[in-house]
C-alpha atoms as a PDB file:
ATOM      1  CA  MET A   1      90.048 143.659  62.238  1.00  0.00           C
ATOM      2  CA  ARG A   2      89.552 147.297  61.223  1.00  0.00           C
ATOM      3  CA  GLU A   3      91.085 150.036  63.357  1.00  0.00           C
ATOM      4  CA  LYS A   4      93.377 153.069  63.435  1.00  0.00           C
ATOM      5  CA  LEU A   5      96.857 153.050  61.940  1.00  0.00           C
ATOM      6  CA  LEU A   6      99.327 155.789  62.835  1.00  0.00           C
ATOM      7  CA  LEU A   7     101.560 156.398  59.816  1.00  0.00           C
ATOM      8  CA  VAL A   8     104.723 158.422  60.467  1.00  0.00           C
ATOM      9  CA  ASP A   9     106.897 159.486  57.537  1.00  0.00           C
ATOM     10  CA  ASP A  10     108.156 162.848  56.252  1.00  0.00           C
ATOM     11  CA  SER A  11     107.439 161.702  52.690  1.00  0.00           C
ATOM     12  CA  LYS A  12     103.828 162.193  51.622  1.00  0.00           C
ATOM     13  CA  SER A  13     104.266 159.808  48.685  1.00  0.00           C
ATOM     14  CA  GLU A  14     105.492 157.054  51.041  1.00  0.00           C
ATOM     15  CA  ARG A  15     102.506 157.596  53.310  1.00  0.00           C
ATOM     16  CA  THR A  16     100.154 157.412  50.327  1.00  0.00           C
ATOM     17  CA  SER A  17     101.801 154.198  49.141  1.00  0.00           C
ATOM     18  CA  ILE A  18     101.377 152.566  52.547  1.00  0.00           C
ATOM     19  CA  LYS A  19      97.753 153.682  52.829  1.00  0.00           C
ATOM     20  CA  ASN A  20      96.946 152.184  49.449  1.00  0.00           C
ATOM     21  CA  ALA A  21      98.575 148.896  50.438  1.00  0.00           C
ATOM     22  CA  LEU A  22      96.729 148.631  53.766  1.00  0.00           C
ATOM     23  CA  LYS A  23      93.355 150.188  52.943  1.00  0.00           C
ATOM     24  CA  ASP A  24      91.599 146.812  53.239  1.00  0.00           C
ATOM     25  CA  ILE A  25      92.968 146.249  56.753  1.00  0.00           C
ATOM     26  CA  PHE A  26      92.631 149.634  58.465  1.00  0.00           C
ATOM     27  CA  SER A  27      89.601 151.891  58.458  1.00  0.00           C
ATOM     28  CA  ASP A  28      91.292 155.030  59.743  1.00  0.00           C
ATOM     29  CA  PHE A  29      94.725 156.441  58.949  1.00  0.00           C
ATOM     30  CA  ILE A  30      96.368 159.043  61.173  1.00  0.00           C
ATOM     31  CA  GLU A  31      99.338 160.739  59.521  1.00  0.00           C
ATOM     32  CA  ALA A  32     102.339 162.513  61.008  1.00  0.00           C
ATOM     33  CA  GLU A  33     105.415 163.999  59.311  1.00  0.00           C
ATOM     34  CA  ASP A  34     107.842 163.679  62.228  1.00  0.00           C
ATOM     35  CA  GLY A  35     108.309 162.077  65.608  1.00  0.00           C
ATOM     36  CA  LEU A  36     107.093 165.029  67.683  1.00  0.00           C
ATOM     37  CA  SER A  37     103.760 165.322  65.900  1.00  0.00           C
ATOM     38  CA  ALA A  38     103.512 161.519  65.966  1.00  0.00           C
ATOM     39  CA  ILE A  39     103.718 161.455  69.778  1.00  0.00           C
ATOM     40  CA  LYS A  40     100.903 164.001  69.993  1.00  0.00           C
ATOM     41  CA  ALA A  41      98.829 161.974  67.533  1.00  0.00           C
ATOM     42  CA  PHE A  42      99.499 158.737  69.435  1.00  0.00           C
ATOM     43  CA  ILE A  43      98.335 160.234  72.734  1.00  0.00           C
ATOM     44  CA  GLU A  44      95.222 161.834  71.265  1.00  0.00           C
ATOM     45  CA  GLU A  45      94.125 159.147  68.812  1.00  0.00           C
ATOM     46  CA  GLN A  46      95.217 155.934  70.589  1.00  0.00           C
ATOM     47  CA  PRO A  47      95.983 153.950  67.406  1.00  0.00           C
ATOM     48  CA  GLY A  48      96.175 150.163  67.501  1.00  0.00           C
ATOM     49  CA  PHE A  49      99.067 149.925  65.032  1.00  0.00           C
ATOM     50  CA  VAL A  50     102.056 152.105  64.072  1.00  0.00           C
ATOM     51  CA  ILE A  51     104.309 152.237  61.013  1.00  0.00           C
ATOM     52  CA  THR A  52     107.133 154.753  61.258  1.00  0.00           C
ATOM     53  CA  ASP A  53     110.158 155.802  59.264  1.00  0.00           C
ATOM     54  CA  ILE A  54     113.490 156.019  61.107  1.00  0.00           C
ATOM     55  CA  GLU A  55     115.081 159.087  59.500  1.00  0.00           C
ATOM     56  CA  MET A  56     112.817 162.096  60.126  1.00  0.00           C
ATOM     57  CA  PRO A  57     113.250 165.758  61.109  1.00  0.00           C
ATOM     58  CA  SER A  58     112.972 166.949  64.746  1.00  0.00           C
ATOM     59  CA  MET A  59     112.757 163.443  66.188  1.00  0.00           C
ATOM     60  CA  SER A  60     113.862 160.108  64.762  1.00  0.00           C
ATOM     61  CA  GLY A  61     111.735 156.989  64.563  1.00  0.00           C
ATOM     62  CA  TYR A  62     113.965 155.440  67.219  1.00  0.00           C
ATOM     63  CA  ARG A  63     113.205 158.201  69.716  1.00  0.00           C
ATOM     64  CA  PHE A  64     109.516 158.075  68.869  1.00  0.00           C
ATOM     65  CA  LEU A  65     109.451 154.288  69.350  1.00  0.00           C
ATOM     66  CA  GLU A  66     111.260 154.554  72.672  1.00  0.00           C
ATOM     67  CA  THR A  67     108.775 157.172  73.882  1.00  0.00           C
ATOM     68  CA  VAL A  68     105.776 155.056  72.845  1.00  0.00           C
ATOM     69  CA  ARG A  69     107.096 151.969  74.623  1.00  0.00           C
ATOM     70  CA  GLN A  70     107.435 153.959  77.845  1.00  0.00           C
ATOM     71  CA  MET A  71     103.694 154.698  77.821  1.00  0.00           C
ATOM     72  CA  ASP A  72     101.311 152.176  79.396  1.00  0.00           C
ATOM     73  CA  GLU A  73      99.030 152.361  76.356  1.00  0.00           C
ATOM     74  CA  GLY A  74     101.958 151.882  73.975  1.00  0.00           C
ATOM     75  CA  ARG A  75     103.629 148.789  75.377  1.00  0.00           C
ATOM     76  CA  ASP A  76     101.712 146.270  73.306  1.00  0.00           C
ATOM     77  CA  VAL A  77     100.971 148.263  70.137  1.00  0.00           C
ATOM     78  CA  PRO A  78     102.656 146.677  67.077  1.00  0.00           C
ATOM     79  CA  VAL A  79     105.256 149.021  65.554  1.00  0.00           C
ATOM     80  CA  ILE A  80     106.914 148.461  62.176  1.00  0.00           C
ATOM     81  CA  LEU A  81     110.091 150.448  61.484  1.00  0.00           C
ATOM     82  CA  LEU A  82     110.948 151.553  57.927  1.00  0.00           C
ATOM     83  CA  SER A  83     114.464 152.297  56.710  1.00  0.00           C
ATOM     84  CA  ALA A  84     115.946 153.311  53.367  1.00  0.00           C
ATOM     85  CA  THR A  85     119.424 152.101  54.373  1.00  0.00           C
ATOM     86  CA  LYS A  86     120.489 148.981  52.492  1.00  0.00           C
ATOM     87  CA  ASP A  87     123.119 147.901  55.024  1.00  0.00           C
ATOM     88  CA  SER A  88     120.580 147.829  57.827  1.00  0.00           C
ATOM     89  CA  LEU A  89     121.752 145.198  60.337  1.00  0.00           C
ATOM     90  CA  LYS A  90     122.804 147.823  62.873  1.00  0.00           C
ATOM     91  CA  GLU A  91     119.534 149.694  62.407  1.00  0.00           C
ATOM     92  CA  LYS A  92     117.540 146.491  62.805  1.00  0.00           C
ATOM     93  CA  LEU A  93     119.291 145.586  66.039  1.00  0.00           C
ATOM     94  CA  THR A  94     118.803 149.098  67.391  1.00  0.00           C
ATOM     95  CA  GLY A  95     115.114 149.031  66.498  1.00  0.00           C
ATOM     96  CA  PHE A  96     114.434 145.602  67.947  1.00  0.00           C
ATOM     97  CA  ASN A  97     116.292 146.486  71.146  1.00  0.00           C
ATOM     98  CA  LEU A  98     114.016 149.520  71.516  1.00  0.00           C
ATOM     99  CA  GLY A  99     110.923 147.378  71.108  1.00  0.00           C
ATOM    100  CA  ALA A 100     110.160 147.350  67.376  1.00  0.00           C
ATOM    101  CA  SER A 101     107.775 144.592  66.290  1.00  0.00           C
ATOM    102  CA  ASP A 102     109.137 144.325  62.736  1.00  0.00           C
ATOM    103  CA  PHE A 103     111.468 146.010  60.273  1.00  0.00           C
ATOM    104  CA  LEU A 104     111.143 146.730  56.543  1.00  0.00           C
ATOM    105  CA  ILE A 105     113.531 148.269  54.010  1.00  0.00           C
ATOM    106  CA  LYS A 106     112.350 150.858  51.487  1.00  0.00           C
ATOM    107  CA  PRO A 107     111.245 150.424  48.798  1.00  0.00           C
ATOM    108  CA  PHE A 108     109.130 147.648  50.272  1.00  0.00           C
ATOM    109  CA  ASN A 109     107.009 145.087  48.506  1.00  0.00           C
ATOM    110  CA  GLU A 110     103.331 145.836  49.151  1.00  0.00           C
ATOM    111  CA  GLU A 111     102.362 142.174  49.494  1.00  0.00           C
ATOM    112  CA  GLU A 112     105.116 141.674  52.060  1.00  0.00           C
ATOM    113  CA  LEU A 113     103.926 144.733  54.012  1.00  0.00           C
ATOM    114  CA  VAL A 114     100.368 143.384  54.051  1.00  0.00           C
ATOM    115  CA  ALA A 115     101.520 139.915  55.133  1.00  0.00           C
ATOM    116  CA  ARG A 116     103.731 141.251  57.940  1.00  0.00           C
ATOM    117  CA  THR A 117     100.976 143.570  59.151  1.00  0.00           C
ATOM    118  CA  LYS A 118      98.403 140.773  59.271  1.00  0.00           C
ATOM    119  CA  SER A 119     100.887 138.544  61.086  1.00  0.00           C
ATOM    120  CA  LEU A 120     101.491 141.173  63.774  1.00  0.00           C
ATOM    121  CA  LEU A 121      97.766 141.732  64.174  1.00  0.00           C
ATOM    122  CA  ARG A 122      97.240 137.984  64.671  1.00  0.00           C
ATOM    123  CA  ILE A 123     100.001 137.864  67.257  1.00  0.00           C
ATOM    124  CA  ARG A 124      98.529 140.840  69.095  1.00  0.00           C
ATOM    125  CA  SER A 125      95.089 139.226  69.062  1.00  0.00           C
ATOM    126  CA  LEU A 126      96.518 136.025  70.552  1.00  0.00           C
ATOM    127  CA  MET A 127      98.399 138.002  73.216  1.00  0.00           C
ATOM    128  CA  THR A 128      95.226 139.909  74.127  1.00  0.00           C
ATOM    129  CA  GLU A 129      93.295 136.653  74.407  1.00  0.00           C
ATOM    130  CA  LEU A 130      96.034 135.178  76.591  1.00  0.00           C
ATOM    131  CA  LYS A 131      96.010 138.207  78.902  1.00  0.00           C
ATOM    132  CA  GLU A 132      92.235 138.010  79.249  1.00  0.00           C
ATOM    133  CA  LYS A 133      92.454 134.327  80.117  1.00  0.00           C
ATOM    134  CA  ASN A 134      95.196 135.015  82.677  1.00  0.00           C
ATOM    135  CA  ILE A 135      93.046 137.711  84.272  1.00  0.00           C
ATOM    136  CA  LEU A 136      90.153 135.260  84.411  1.00  0.00           C
ATOM    137  CA  LEU A 137      92.364 132.579  85.963  1.00  0.00           C
ATOM    138  CA  GLU A 138      93.620 135.039  88.572  1.00  0.00           C
ATOM    139  CA  ARG A 139      90.045 135.997  89.413  1.00  0.00           C
ATOM    140  CA  LEU A 140      88.950 132.362  89.625  1.00  0.00           C
ATOM    141  CA  ALA A 141      91.882 131.599  91.914  1.00  0.00           C
ATOM    142  CA  VAL A 142      90.520 133.982  94.562  1.00  0.00           C
ATOM    143  CA  THR A 143      86.769 133.676  93.880  1.00  0.00           C
ATOM    144  CA  ASP A 144      84.197 131.121  94.960  1.00  0.00           C
ATOM    145  CA  GLU A 145      82.574 129.894  91.757  1.00  0.00           C
ATOM    146  CA  LEU A 146      79.070 129.417  93.163  1.00  0.00           C
ATOM    147  CA  THR A 147      78.579 132.657  95.106  1.00  0.00           C
ATOM    148  CA  GLY A 148      81.074 134.976  93.419  1.00  0.00           C
ATOM    149  CA  LEU A 149      82.490 135.936  96.825  1.00  0.00           C
ATOM    150  CA  ASN A 150      86.126 135.766  97.832  1.00  0.00           C
ATOM    151  CA  ASN A 151      87.185 132.212  98.545  1.00  0.00           C
ATOM    152  CA  ARG A 152      88.953 130.742 101.556  1.00  0.00           C
ATOM    153  CA  ARG A 153      92.410 131.159 100.012  1.00  0.00           C
ATOM    154  CA  HIS A 154      91.952 134.866  99.317  1.00  0.00           C
ATOM    155  CA  PHE A 155      90.501 135.367 102.795  1.00  0.00           C
ATOM    156  CA  PHE A 156      93.540 133.918 104.533  1.00  0.00           C
ATOM    157  CA  GLU A 157      95.955 135.918 102.389  1.00  0.00           C
ATOM    158  CA  SER A 158      94.115 139.180 103.052  1.00  0.00           C
ATOM    159  CA  VAL A 159      93.645 138.619 106.769  1.00  0.00           C
ATOM    160  CA  LYS A 160      97.336 137.945 107.354  1.00  0.00           C
ATOM    161  CA  GLU A 161      98.125 141.467 106.186  1.00  0.00           C
ATOM    162  CA  GLN A 162      95.384 142.949 108.363  1.00  0.00           C
ATOM    163  CA  LEU A 163      96.518 141.032 111.446  1.00  0.00           C
ATOM    164  CA  ALA A 164      99.999 142.477 111.033  1.00  0.00           C
ATOM    165  CA  LEU A 165      98.537 145.949 110.562  1.00  0.00           C
ATOM    166  CA  GLY A 166      96.357 145.566 113.638  1.00  0.00           C
ATOM    167  CA  LEU A 167      99.314 144.473 115.736  1.00  0.00           C
ATOM    168  CA  ARG A 168     101.254 147.597 114.757  1.00  0.00           C
ATOM    169  CA  HIS A 169      98.378 149.968 115.502  1.00  0.00           C
ATOM    170  CA  ASN A 170      96.699 148.211 118.451  1.00  0.00           C
ATOM    171  CA  PHE A 171      93.507 147.475 116.534  1.00  0.00           C
ATOM    172  CA  GLN A 172      91.000 144.949 117.815  1.00  0.00           C
ATOM    173  CA  ILE A 173      90.013 142.310 115.279  1.00  0.00           C
ATOM    174  CA  ALA A 174      86.933 140.106 115.210  1.00  0.00           C
ATOM    175  CA  PHE A 175      86.255 136.909 113.275  1.00  0.00           C
ATOM    176  CA  MET A 176      82.685 135.946 112.466  1.00  0.00           C
ATOM    177  CA  LEU A 177      81.616 132.468 111.308  1.00  0.00           C
ATOM    178  CA  LEU A 178      78.133 132.323 109.825  1.00  0.00           C
ATOM    179  CA  ASP A 179      76.426 128.977 109.188  1.00  0.00           C
ATOM    180  CA  ILE A 180      73.057 128.291 107.523  1.00  0.00           C
ATOM    181  CA  ASP A 181      70.650 126.576 109.928  1.00  0.00           C
ATOM    182  CA  HIS A 182      69.262 123.185 108.862  1.00  0.00           C
ATOM    183  CA  PHE A 183      70.929 123.416 105.461  1.00  0.00           C
ATOM    184  CA  LYS A 184      70.939 119.638 105.079  1.00  0.00           C
ATOM    185  CA  ALA A 185      67.155 119.693 105.347  1.00  0.00           C
ATOM    186  CA  VAL A 186      67.001 122.209 102.490  1.00  0.00           C
ATOM    187  CA  ASN A 187      68.996 119.867 100.254  1.00  0.00           C
ATOM    188  CA  ASP A 188      67.034 116.806 101.359  1.00  0.00           C
ATOM    189  CA  THR A 189      63.626 118.461 100.914  1.00  0.00           C
ATOM    190  CA  TYR A 190      64.105 120.615  97.820  1.00  0.00           C
ATOM    191  CA  GLY A 191      67.232 119.177  96.225  1.00  0.00           C
ATOM    192  CA  HIS A 192      70.787 120.391  95.766  1.00  0.00           C
ATOM    193  CA  LEU A 193      69.795 122.921  93.098  1.00  0.00           C
ATOM    194  CA  ALA A 194      67.697 124.663  95.727  1.00  0.00           C
ATOM    195  CA  GLY A 195      70.623 124.508  98.134  1.00  0.00           C
ATOM    196  CA  ASP A 196      72.904 126.093  95.553  1.00  0.00           C
ATOM    197  CA  GLU A 197      70.358 128.841  94.947  1.00  0.00           C
ATOM    198  CA  VAL A 198      70.189 129.561  98.680  1.00  0.00           C
ATOM    199  CA  LEU A 199      73.971 129.872  98.823  1.00  0.00           C
ATOM    200  CA  ARG A 200      74.014 132.226  95.815  1.00  0.00           C
ATOM    201  CA  VAL A 201      71.271 134.453  97.199  1.00  0.00           C
ATOM    202  CA  LEU A 202      72.780 134.457 100.675  1.00  0.00           C
ATOM    203  CA  GLY A 203      76.144 135.444  99.232  1.00  0.00           C
ATOM    204  CA  LYS A 204      74.553 138.471  97.541  1.00  0.00           C
ATOM    205  CA  LEU A 205      72.702 139.417 100.728  1.00  0.00           C
ATOM    206  CA  LEU A 206      75.875 139.322 102.805  1.00  0.00           C
ATOM    207  CA  LEU A 207      77.843 141.217 100.176  1.00  0.00           C
ATOM    208  CA  ASN A 208      75.218 143.990 100.063  1.00  0.00           C
ATOM    209  CA  ALA A 209      75.138 144.146 103.868  1.00  0.00           C
ATOM    210  CA  LYS A 210      78.914 144.240 104.193  1.00  0.00           C
ATOM    211  CA  ARG A 211      80.444 147.567 105.142  1.00  0.00           C
ATOM    212  CA  GLU A 212      83.877 149.105 104.774  1.00  0.00           C
ATOM    213  CA  GLY A 213      86.378 147.395 107.037  1.00  0.00           C
ATOM    214  CA  GLU A 214      84.692 143.984 106.744  1.00  0.00           C
ATOM    215  CA  LEU A 215      86.208 141.164 104.707  1.00  0.00           C
ATOM    216  CA  LEU A 216      83.696 138.565 103.506  1.00  0.00           C
ATOM    217  CA  ALA A 217      84.346 135.128 102.005  1.00  0.00           C
ATOM    218  CA  ARG A 218      82.704 131.758 101.548  1.00  0.00           C
ATOM    219  CA  PHE A 219      84.511 129.497 103.958  1.00  0.00           C
ATOM    220  CA  GLY A 220      83.212 126.211 102.627  1.00  0.00           C
ATOM    221  CA  GLY A 221      79.937 124.291 102.441  1.00  0.00           C
ATOM    222  CA  GLU A 222      77.227 126.407 104.040  1.00  0.00           C
ATOM    223  CA  GLU A 223      79.689 128.472 106.086  1.00  0.00           C
ATOM    224  CA  PHE A 224      80.723 132.052 105.473  1.00  0.00           C
ATOM    225  CA  VAL A 225      83.420 134.004 107.259  1.00  0.00           C
ATOM    226  CA  ILE A 226      83.669 137.707 107.949  1.00  0.00           C
ATOM    227  CA  CYS A 227      86.632 139.511 109.438  1.00  0.00           C
ATOM    228  CA  LEU A 228      86.082 142.915 111.060  1.00  0.00           C
ATOM    229  CA  PHE A 229      89.060 145.241 111.399  1.00  0.00           C
ATOM    230  CA  ASN A 230      89.568 148.006 113.960  1.00  0.00           C
ATOM    231  CA  THR A 231      86.401 147.053 115.844  1.00  0.00           C
ATOM    232  CA  ASP A 232      85.275 146.435 119.414  1.00  0.00           C
ATOM    233  CA  THR A 233      82.918 144.006 121.152  1.00  0.00           C
ATOM    234  CA  ASP A 234      79.770 146.109 120.823  1.00  0.00           C
ATOM    235  CA  SER A 235      80.439 146.905 117.165  1.00  0.00           C
ATOM    236  CA  SER A 236      81.098 143.243 116.423  1.00  0.00           C
ATOM    237  CA  LEU A 237      77.804 142.199 117.998  1.00  0.00           C
ATOM    238  CA  LYS A 238      75.901 144.893 116.098  1.00  0.00           C
ATOM    239  CA  ALA A 239      77.515 143.791 112.830  1.00  0.00           C
ATOM    240  CA  ALA A 240      76.593 140.172 113.476  1.00  0.00           C
ATOM    241  CA  GLU A 241      73.000 141.129 114.286  1.00  0.00           C
ATOM    242  CA  ARG A 242      72.875 143.138 111.086  1.00  0.00           C
ATOM    243  CA  PHE A 243      73.812 140.084 109.049  1.00  0.00           C
ATOM    244  CA  ARG A 244      71.562 137.714 111.034  1.00  0.00           C
ATOM    245  CA  SER A 245      68.449 139.890 110.797  1.00  0.00           C
ATOM    246  CA  ILE A 246      68.878 140.616 107.090  1.00  0.00           C
ATOM    247  CA  VAL A 247      68.934 136.886 106.371  1.00  0.00           C
ATOM    248  CA  GLU A 248      65.992 136.149 108.695  1.00  0.00           C
ATOM    249  CA  GLU A 249      63.797 138.824 107.082  1.00  0.00           C
ATOM    250  CA  TYR A 250      64.572 137.910 103.481  1.00  0.00           C
ATOM    251  CA  ASP A 251      62.133 135.874 101.397  1.00  0.00           C
ATOM    252  CA  PHE A 252      64.129 133.118  99.681  1.00  0.00           C
ATOM    253  CA  SER A 253      61.184 131.782  97.702  1.00  0.00           C
ATOM    254  CA  SER A 254      61.276 131.782  93.914  1.00  0.00           C
ATOM    255  CA  THR A 255      59.209 130.566  90.976  1.00  0.00           C
ATOM    256  CA  GLU A 256      61.158 127.322  90.990  1.00  0.00           C
ATOM    257  CA  PHE A 257      61.084 126.873  94.790  1.00  0.00           C
ATOM    258  CA  PRO A 258      57.964 128.710  96.034  1.00  0.00           C
ATOM    259  CA  GLU A 259      57.883 126.991  99.441  1.00  0.00           C
ATOM    260  CA  LEU A 260      61.459 127.849 100.276  1.00  0.00           C
ATOM    261  CA  ASN A 261      60.887 131.201 101.936  1.00  0.00           C
ATOM    262  CA  ARG A 262      62.642 131.391 105.291  1.00  0.00           C
ATOM    263  CA  ILE A 263      66.306 130.750 106.014  1.00  0.00           C
ATOM    264  CA  THR A 264      68.135 131.593 109.215  1.00  0.00           C
ATOM    265  CA  VAL A 265      71.799 131.620 110.190  1.00  0.00           C
ATOM    266  CA  SER A 266      73.744 131.059 113.387  1.00  0.00           C
ATOM    267  CA  ILE A 267      76.804 133.210 114.025  1.00  0.00           C
ATOM    268  CA  GLY A 268      79.837 132.799 116.209  1.00  0.00           C
ATOM    269  CA  ILE A 269      82.227 135.686 116.886  1.00  0.00           C
ATOM    270  CA  SER A 270      85.712 135.711 118.304  1.00  0.00           C
ATOM    271  CA  THR A 271      87.377 138.960 119.297  1.00  0.00           C
ATOM    272  CA  CYS A 272      90.948 139.589 120.239  1.00  0.00           C
ATOM    273  CA  SER A 273      92.467 142.797 121.513  1.00  0.00           C
ATOM    274  CA  GLN A 274      95.929 143.435 120.155  1.00  0.00           C
ATOM    275  CA  GLN A 275      96.815 145.004 123.492  1.00  0.00           C
ATOM    276  CA  ALA A 276      96.029 141.713 125.208  1.00  0.00           C
ATOM    277  CA  THR A 277      98.150 139.945 122.639  1.00  0.00           C
ATOM    278  CA  ILE A 278     101.078 142.242 123.314  1.00  0.00           C
ATOM    279  CA  ALA A 279     100.653 141.905 127.101  1.00  0.00           C
ATOM    280  CA  SER A 280     100.668 138.114 126.900  1.00  0.00           C
ATOM    281  CA  LYS A 281     103.682 138.151 124.547  1.00  0.00           C
ATOM    282  CA  ASN A 282     101.977 135.405 122.529  1.00  0.00           C
ATOM    283  CA  SER A 283     101.143 136.018 118.903  1.00  0.00           C
ATOM    284  CA  VAL A 284      97.615 135.153 117.833  1.00  0.00           C
ATOM    285  CA  GLY A 285      97.114 133.516 114.464  1.00  0.00           C
ATOM    286  CA  ILE A 286      94.143 133.153 112.180  1.00  0.00           C
ATOM    287  CA  ASP A 287      93.636 129.505 113.134  1.00  0.00           C
ATOM    288  CA  GLU A 288      93.274 130.319 116.839  1.00  0.00           C
ATOM    289  CA  LEU A 289      90.746 133.078 116.194  1.00  0.00           C
ATOM    290  CA  LEU A 290      88.736 130.892 113.829  1.00  0.00           C
ATOM    291  CA  LYS A 291      88.749 128.065 116.357  1.00  0.00           C
ATOM    292  CA  THR A 292      87.301 130.397 118.993  1.00  0.00           C
ATOM    293  CA  ALA A 293      84.701 131.648 116.487  1.00  0.00           C
ATOM    294  CA  ASP A 294      83.791 128.043 115.701  1.00  0.00           C
ATOM    295  CA  THR A 295      83.272 127.353 119.420  1.00  0.00           C
ATOM    296  CA  ALA A 296      81.001 130.401 119.603  1.00  0.00           C
ATOM    297  CA  LEU A 297      79.122 129.190 116.520  1.00  0.00           C
ATOM    298  CA  TYR A 298      78.547 125.803 118.155  1.00  0.00           C
ATOM    299  CA  ARG A 299      77.036 127.547 121.168  1.00  0.00           C
ATOM    300  CA  SER A 300      74.685 129.487 118.894  1.00  0.00           C
ATOM    301  CA  LYS A 301      73.630 126.221 117.250  1.00  0.00           C
ATOM    302  CA  SER A 302      73.166 124.333 120.506  1.00  0.00           C
ATOM    303  CA  GLY A 303      71.341 127.312 122.027  1.00  0.00           C
ATOM    304  CA  GLY A 304      68.516 127.138 119.502  1.00  0.00           C
ATOM    305  CA  ARG A 305      70.012 128.493 116.270  1.00  0.00           C
ATOM    306  CA  ASN A 306      69.327 131.870 114.618  1.00  0.00           C
ATOM    307  CA  LYS A 307      71.499 133.384 117.335  1.00  0.00           C
ATOM    308  CA  VAL A 308      74.740 135.311 117.790  1.00  0.00           C
ATOM    309  CA  THR A 309      77.365 134.261 120.340  1.00  0.00           C
ATOM    310  CA  LEU A 310      80.582 136.142 121.065  1.00  0.00           C
ATOM    311  CA  LEU A 311      83.673 134.761 122.780  1.00  0.00           C
ATOM    312  CA  GLU A 312      86.787 136.745 123.537  1.00  0.00           C
ATOM    313  CA  HIS A 313      89.950 134.912 122.591  1.00  0.00           C
ATOM    314  CA  THR A 314      92.568 134.924 125.332  1.00  0.00           C
ATOM    315  CA  PRO A 315      96.165 134.629 124.058  1.00  0.00           C
END
């Protein structure tokens, strides 16, 4: 790992000694003679590692360390403190409490400095890897693996917030259930790999067709769910027709499945006016709205498929 090291010490000979010891680890050395110039250098150069003396003019290493740790970009940067004080327990405790990564007493052994530096770099690398894995796990927890869309869990969590917002501001909310027509026949005729490809492509189509104020997720199997916020009946129907027609007009064929060209979807919509909810004094939950949308979807299916049906939910 070769990167920038910020070296802060008012002694040029000390800085030279440290550079010579660490020249095989770092490719770029940024030097500062005091804490004030070190802060400027840290902001401008964004080093990945810092070694700083404690006793310096204008600003101590303690104050510099404290300032760095308050910056977002400085929270995880390894910082080694250097001190010339032999009785250094108090200084060590002060430094570690301020966020120092390690502590060395001058004159230091070069091999020890190299070993401690490499150890801190390994720890930082492991922490970075752990953070990346945690980010990935968080993304996977709210994402459908096959389509890349939001999953059912994320949908429910997001909609709860929007339902509360709609209730406060008298917004009308619509739920849209979209189901692939004759999807079982696709799997039976072309195989499950073809079915998976249809779901992936359909997910991209719906995502590209989605507009601001519409929350899209894969609901499960061949079903997708869309929630429209601050809408009305006409707008909901137009949105559903937008999704339905885009799917109907798209050519799903590919090199691997050349005969698989046309897919259609049936859509059921449930709408609910927040004013009606308030008038009835009955709160409307996600389950009730989805149940109404499912009833509307069934009517689209039984009415010939490739259709849109809207039902207004009555609290």
